[in-house]
Protein backbone atom coordinates (compact mmCIF):
# COMPACT_ATOMS: atom_id res chain seq x y z
CA LEU A 1 13.39 -3.15 -6.61
CA ASN A 2 16.79 -3.87 -8.07
CA GLN A 3 16.78 -7.66 -8.34
CA VAL A 4 20.57 -7.95 -8.61
CA ALA A 5 21.14 -5.84 -5.51
CA ALA A 6 18.48 -7.82 -3.63
CA GLN A 7 20.13 -11.12 -4.57
CA MET A 8 23.52 -9.91 -3.37
CA SER A 9 22.22 -8.50 -0.08
CA SER A 10 21.72 -10.38 3.15
CA PRO A 11 18.17 -10.94 4.44
CA ILE A 12 19.00 -8.79 7.45
CA LEU A 13 20.04 -5.87 5.26
CA LEU A 14 16.92 -6.30 3.12
CA ARG A 15 14.73 -6.34 6.23
CA HIS A 16 16.38 -3.11 7.44
CA PHE A 17 15.78 -1.56 4.04
CA LEU A 18 12.14 -2.63 4.20
CA THR A 19 11.81 -1.09 7.66
CA SER A 20 13.36 2.14 6.39
CA ILE A 21 10.77 2.31 3.59
CA PHE A 22 7.95 2.01 6.13
CA ILE A 23 9.53 4.67 8.37
CA GLN A 24 10.23 7.07 5.49
CA THR A 25 6.66 6.72 4.24
CA GLU A 26 5.19 7.27 7.70
CA ILE A 27 7.29 10.43 8.15
CA ALA A 28 6.24 11.75 4.73
CA ILE A 29 2.57 11.08 5.54
CA LYS A 30 2.82 12.96 8.84
CA GLU A 31 4.81 15.86 7.42
CA GLY A 32 2.50 16.23 4.42
CA GLN A 33 -0.65 15.51 6.45
CA LEU A 34 -1.59 12.87 3.90
CA TYR A 35 -3.74 10.86 6.28
CA CYS A 36 -6.35 8.47 4.94
CA ASP A 37 -9.19 10.46 6.50
CA VAL A 38 -8.08 13.81 5.06
CA VAL A 39 -10.46 14.48 2.21
CA CYS A 40 -9.12 17.88 1.19
CA ASP A 41 -7.64 16.59 -2.07
CA ARG A 42 -9.69 18.21 -4.82
CA GLY A 43 -9.83 18.00 -8.56
CA ALA A 44 -7.72 16.11 -11.03
CA LEU A 45 -4.26 15.25 -9.71
CA SER A 46 -3.49 18.03 -7.29
CA HIS A 47 -0.05 18.31 -5.72
CA ASN A 48 -1.07 16.16 -2.74
CA GLN A 49 -2.46 13.46 -5.01
CA VAL A 50 0.85 13.26 -6.86
CA ARG A 51 2.64 13.02 -3.51
CA ARG A 52 0.30 10.19 -2.51
CA LEU A 53 1.08 8.33 -5.74
CA LYS A 54 4.84 8.74 -5.23
CA LEU A 55 4.53 7.32 -1.71
CA CYS A 56 2.49 4.44 -3.14
CA GLN A 57 5.34 3.78 -5.54
CA ASN A 58 7.72 3.50 -2.58
CA MET A 59 5.30 1.18 -0.81
CA LEU A 60 5.07 -1.02 -3.91
CA VAL A 61 8.82 -1.52 -3.57
CA ALA A 62 8.13 -2.54 0.04
CA VAL A 63 5.49 -5.01 -1.17
CA GLU A 64 7.94 -6.53 -3.63
CA LEU A 65 10.66 -6.72 -1.00
CA ALA A 66 8.27 -8.33 1.50
CA GLY A 67 7.50 -10.95 -1.13
CA TRP A 68 11.19 -11.45 -1.74
CA LEU A 69 11.68 -12.03 2.01
CA ASN A 70 8.58 -14.26 2.19
CA GLU A 71 6.95 -11.95 4.77
CA PRO A 72 3.22 -11.91 4.00
CA SER A 73 2.40 -9.87 7.11
CA LEU A 74 4.71 -7.07 5.93
CA ALA A 75 3.23 -7.28 2.44
CA LEU A 76 -0.22 -6.90 3.99
CA GLN A 77 1.00 -3.94 6.05
CA ALA A 78 2.31 -2.27 2.88
CA VAL A 79 -0.98 -2.86 1.04
CA VAL A 80 -2.91 -1.35 3.95
CA GLN A 81 -0.59 1.68 3.85
CA ILE A 82 -1.13 2.03 0.09
CA TYR A 83 -4.88 1.82 0.52
CA GLY A 84 -4.71 4.54 3.18
CA LEU A 85 -2.81 6.77 0.78
CA LEU A 86 -5.32 6.16 -2.01
CA ALA A 87 -8.46 6.42 0.15
CA PRO A 88 -9.15 10.15 -0.50
CA ILE A 89 -8.66 9.69 -4.25
CA LEU A 90 -11.01 6.70 -4.21
CA PHE A 91 -13.51 8.54 -2.02
CA HIS A 92 -13.72 11.44 -4.47
CA LYS A 93 -13.87 9.00 -7.41
CA ILE A 94 -11.08 10.85 -9.18
CA PRO A 95 -10.28 8.93 -12.38
CA SER A 96 -6.62 8.01 -12.58
CA LEU A 97 -4.88 5.24 -14.50
CA PRO A 98 -1.98 5.05 -11.99
CA VAL A 99 -4.48 4.48 -9.17
CA VAL A 100 -6.06 1.59 -11.08
CA GLN A 101 -2.63 0.09 -11.77
CA ILE A 102 -1.67 0.36 -8.09
CA LEU A 103 -4.96 -1.25 -7.06
CA GLN A 104 -4.33 -4.09 -9.50
CA ARG A 105 -0.95 -4.77 -7.90
CA CYS A 106 -2.47 -4.61 -4.41
CA HIS A 107 -5.28 -6.94 -5.42
CA ALA A 108 -2.77 -9.44 -6.81
CA VAL A 109 -0.75 -9.29 -3.58
CA LEU A 110 -3.88 -9.79 -1.48
CA GLN A 111 -4.63 -12.94 -3.49
CA GLU A 112 -1.20 -14.32 -2.53
CA ILE A 113 -1.47 -13.57 1.19
CA PRO A 114 -2.58 -16.63 3.17
CA SER A 115 -6.22 -16.27 4.21
CA SER A 116 -5.27 -17.41 7.72
CA LEU A 117 -3.21 -14.22 8.11
CA ILE A 118 -6.19 -12.05 7.25
CA GLN A 119 -8.65 -14.12 9.28
CA ARG A 120 -6.43 -13.94 12.37
CA ARG A 121 -7.26 -10.26 12.68
CA HIS A 122 -10.19 -9.86 15.07
CA GLY A 123 -12.84 -7.21 15.62
CA ILE A 124 -12.41 -3.81 14.09
CA ILE A 125 -9.09 -4.67 12.42
CA GLY A 126 -10.58 -7.71 10.70
CA ASP A 127 -13.62 -5.71 9.62
CA GLY A 128 -11.35 -2.96 8.29
CA LEU A 129 -9.30 -5.44 6.28
CA ASN A 130 -12.42 -7.01 4.82
CA HIS A 131 -13.76 -3.54 3.96
CA MET A 132 -10.45 -2.64 2.29
CA ILE A 133 -10.45 -5.85 0.26
CA ALA A 134 -14.08 -5.28 -0.75
CA CYS A 135 -13.37 -1.67 -1.81
CA ILE A 136 -10.34 -2.67 -3.86
CA THR A 137 -12.28 -5.50 -5.49
CA PHE A 138 -15.24 -3.21 -6.19
CA ARG A 139 -12.98 -0.55 -7.72
CA MET A 140 -11.29 -3.21 -9.85
CA GLY A 141 -14.70 -4.36 -11.09
CA LYS A 142 -15.65 -0.89 -12.31
C-alpha cells in the first residue's frame, strides 16, 4: 500500500479501492478454480500455488487498507480469504517461507481484531473462524 497515496485519498475512494481488491481476487479465484477445497495443487510451488501466493499478496494490501480505514470486519474478511487461498498448501504441508510470512501477518491482524467481532459470528461461521484461527496458530507454532 502506497502510504502517500492513501493519505492523499478520500476514505470513500479508499473504500472503493478496497472493494475492487476483493472483487478482483474473487474473479481470479473463480477463473483459476483456486477454491479452498480444491486439493489438486501438488509438489513444491506449482503454477497454481504461485498464483495463490500472488492473490494473497493482493489481499495483504486489502488487510493493510482495512486497517487504515479502521474496518476490522473487512480485515477479518481479507484474512479469511487469504486462509482460503492457502488452505490447499497447508493441507499438503508444502514447506514455503512465503506461506509462513503470510500466516504471521494474518496472525498479527487477528490479534488486533476485537474479540467481540469474532464472537458475534454464530454457528458454523463461528466454528469455522475458530478453526481457522487454531490452524493458523498451530502452523505458526511449528
